[in-house]
Protein backbone atom coordinates (compact mmCIF):
# COMPACT_ATOMS: atom_id res chain seq x y z
CA MET A 1 -0.04 0.01 0.00
CA LYS A 2 1.06 3.30 -0.75
CA ALA A 3 1.56 6.09 1.73
CA LEU A 4 -0.82 8.32 0.23
CA GLU A 5 -3.55 5.71 0.54
CA MET A 6 -2.62 5.03 3.90
CA MET A 7 -2.84 8.93 4.86
CA GLU A 8 -6.45 9.08 3.74
CA ASN A 9 -8.58 10.66 6.38
CA ARG A 10 -5.81 10.36 8.85
CA ILE A 11 -4.60 14.11 9.00
CA ASP A 12 -5.90 16.56 11.24
CA GLY A 13 -8.00 18.99 9.11
CA ASN A 14 -5.68 21.88 9.99
CA TRP A 15 -2.91 20.55 8.24
CA VAL A 16 -4.34 19.53 4.98
CA ASP A 17 -3.83 22.99 3.23
CA TYR A 18 -0.47 23.02 4.48
CA LEU A 19 0.22 19.68 3.18
CA GLU A 20 -1.29 20.34 -0.42
CA LEU A 21 2.29 20.30 -2.07
CA ILE A 22 3.42 17.64 -0.56
CA LEU A 23 0.33 15.44 -1.12
CA ASN A 24 0.17 16.32 -4.59
CA GLY A 25 3.91 15.16 -5.19
CA LEU A 26 2.70 11.70 -3.52
CA ARG A 27 -0.07 11.59 -5.98
CA ASP A 28 2.58 11.89 -8.61
CA GLU A 29 4.54 9.28 -7.16
CA LYS A 30 7.28 11.86 -5.71
CA ILE A 31 8.69 12.48 -2.40
CA PHE A 32 9.70 16.06 -1.49
CA TYR A 33 12.08 16.91 1.49
CA SER A 34 12.04 20.08 2.79
CA ASP A 35 15.33 21.86 4.03
CA ILE A 36 15.65 23.78 7.39
CA SER A 37 13.94 26.63 5.54
CA GLY A 38 10.79 24.69 4.68
CA ILE A 39 11.38 24.70 0.79
CA LEU A 40 10.43 21.75 -1.01
CA PHE A 41 12.84 19.57 -3.14
CA ASP A 42 12.90 16.36 -4.98
CA ALA A 43 14.23 13.64 -2.78
CA THR A 44 17.83 12.74 -3.87
CA PRO A 45 18.96 9.27 -5.09
CA GLU A 46 20.47 8.53 -1.56
CA MET A 47 17.49 9.62 0.36
CA MET A 48 15.21 7.31 -1.94
CA ASP A 49 17.69 4.49 -1.33
CA GLU A 50 16.98 5.01 2.50
CA VAL A 51 13.28 5.22 1.55
CA LYS A 52 13.40 1.88 0.24
CA ARG A 53 15.24 0.37 3.10
CA ILE A 54 13.02 1.87 5.89
CA GLU A 55 10.08 0.66 4.01
CA GLU A 56 11.46 -2.84 3.35
CA ASN A 57 12.41 -3.30 7.29
CA HIS A 58 9.17 -1.67 8.57
CA ARG A 59 5.74 -1.83 7.71
CA SER A 60 5.58 2.12 7.67
CA ARG A 61 5.67 4.13 4.62
CA VAL A 62 7.48 7.27 3.95
CA TRP A 63 5.65 10.51 3.00
CA HIS A 64 8.09 13.30 3.24
CA ILE A 65 11.70 13.73 4.52
CA LEU A 66 13.15 16.65 6.42
CA LYS A 67 16.80 17.56 6.35
CA GLY A 68 18.38 20.19 8.44
CA ARG A 69 21.42 20.77 10.63
CA TYR A 70 20.45 21.81 14.30
CA ARG A 71 22.53 23.16 16.85
CA MET A 72 22.75 20.52 20.06
CA SER A 73 24.43 21.04 23.38
CA ASP A 74 28.02 22.72 23.34
CA ASN A 75 27.08 24.77 20.40
CA GLU A 76 27.99 21.81 18.01
CA THR A 77 25.76 21.31 15.09
CA PHE A 78 24.47 17.74 13.53
CA GLU A 79 22.79 16.95 10.64
CA PHE A 80 19.62 15.06 10.81
CA ILE A 81 17.32 13.39 8.09
CA ASP A 82 13.78 12.83 9.52
CA TYR A 83 11.72 10.26 7.33
CA LEU A 84 8.10 11.30 8.13
CA LEU A 85 6.01 8.03 8.18
CA VAL A 86 2.38 6.79 8.18
CA ASP A 87 2.06 3.19 9.62
CA PRO A 88 -0.56 0.86 8.82
CA SER A 89 -3.97 1.20 10.78
CA ASP A 90 -3.70 -2.05 12.46
CA SER A 91 -0.04 -1.02 13.84
CA ASP A 92 0.92 -1.55 17.58
CA LEU A 93 1.29 2.28 18.42
CA GLY A 94 -2.05 2.22 20.10
CA ASP A 95 -4.34 5.45 19.94
CA TYR A 96 -1.78 7.62 18.33
CA ASP A 97 -1.34 5.64 14.87
CA ASN A 98 -5.02 7.02 13.94
CA MET A 99 -3.35 10.10 12.74
CA VAL A 100 -0.60 10.75 10.48
CA ILE A 101 0.06 14.18 11.98
CA ASP A 102 -2.09 15.60 14.76
CA GLU A 103 -3.42 19.16 15.38
CA ASN A 104 -0.34 19.99 17.17
CA GLY A 105 2.20 18.99 14.34
CA CYS A 106 3.21 15.96 16.22
CA CYS A 107 4.06 12.92 13.56
CA LEU A 108 6.27 9.59 13.45
CA CYS A 109 9.43 9.53 11.98
CA TYR A 110 12.70 7.35 11.59
CA THR A 111 15.21 9.70 12.04
CA VAL A 112 18.96 9.29 10.54
CA GLY A 113 21.70 10.90 12.32
CA LEU A 114 23.92 10.73 15.25
CA TYR A 115 21.85 7.79 15.66
CA ASN A 116 18.97 5.93 13.91
CA GLU A 117 15.46 5.57 15.90
CA ILE A 118 11.93 5.80 15.33
CA GLY A 119 10.14 8.37 17.28
CA PHE A 120 7.82 11.23 17.55
CA ILE A 121 8.69 14.91 16.67
CA ASP A 122 6.80 18.18 16.27
CA LEU A 123 6.35 20.22 12.97
CA TYR A 124 5.42 23.60 11.70
CA PRO A 125 4.57 24.46 8.31
CA ILE A 126 6.88 27.21 6.32
CA ASN A 127 7.50 28.42 3.01
CA GLY A 128 5.53 25.43 1.41
CA GLY A 129 6.78 22.56 3.26
CA LEU A 130 7.81 21.42 6.80
CA ARG A 131 10.30 22.27 9.41
CA ARG A 132 11.03 20.37 12.47
CA ARG A 133 9.93 22.42 15.75
CA LEU A 134 13.00 22.44 18.15
CA PRO A 135 13.03 24.09 21.87
CA GLY A 136 12.63 27.68 21.52
CA ASP A 137 10.73 27.63 18.27
CA LYS A 138 7.63 29.49 18.23
């Protein structure tokens, strides 16, 4: 099953307008990534290789990618690539899996960076794409 099919009726209504360009890309079988400014780009071949690996190893489907360099402790910066996921409706995530992205912008992702892990991140719309919400962001 494709990500777009799995997302049907599982996006909080307020987010549908923000995701229009991303959803249109999925309809055309394209995955975009947003850089830290939120601007959309076609996913790179390397990103698409990772998408394939994630989708083969997990039941989830990737619907968007975030790429950014973020300042962490001691003013060090690290690059993270977040692969935003939609899980099948029968996943074992409990009640949360009913939404791809909730009214507060929280969504499931697979993060590649210092370490690789599945977890939840907060997002906000910016410049036609999405950005990861960090402490101090409004």
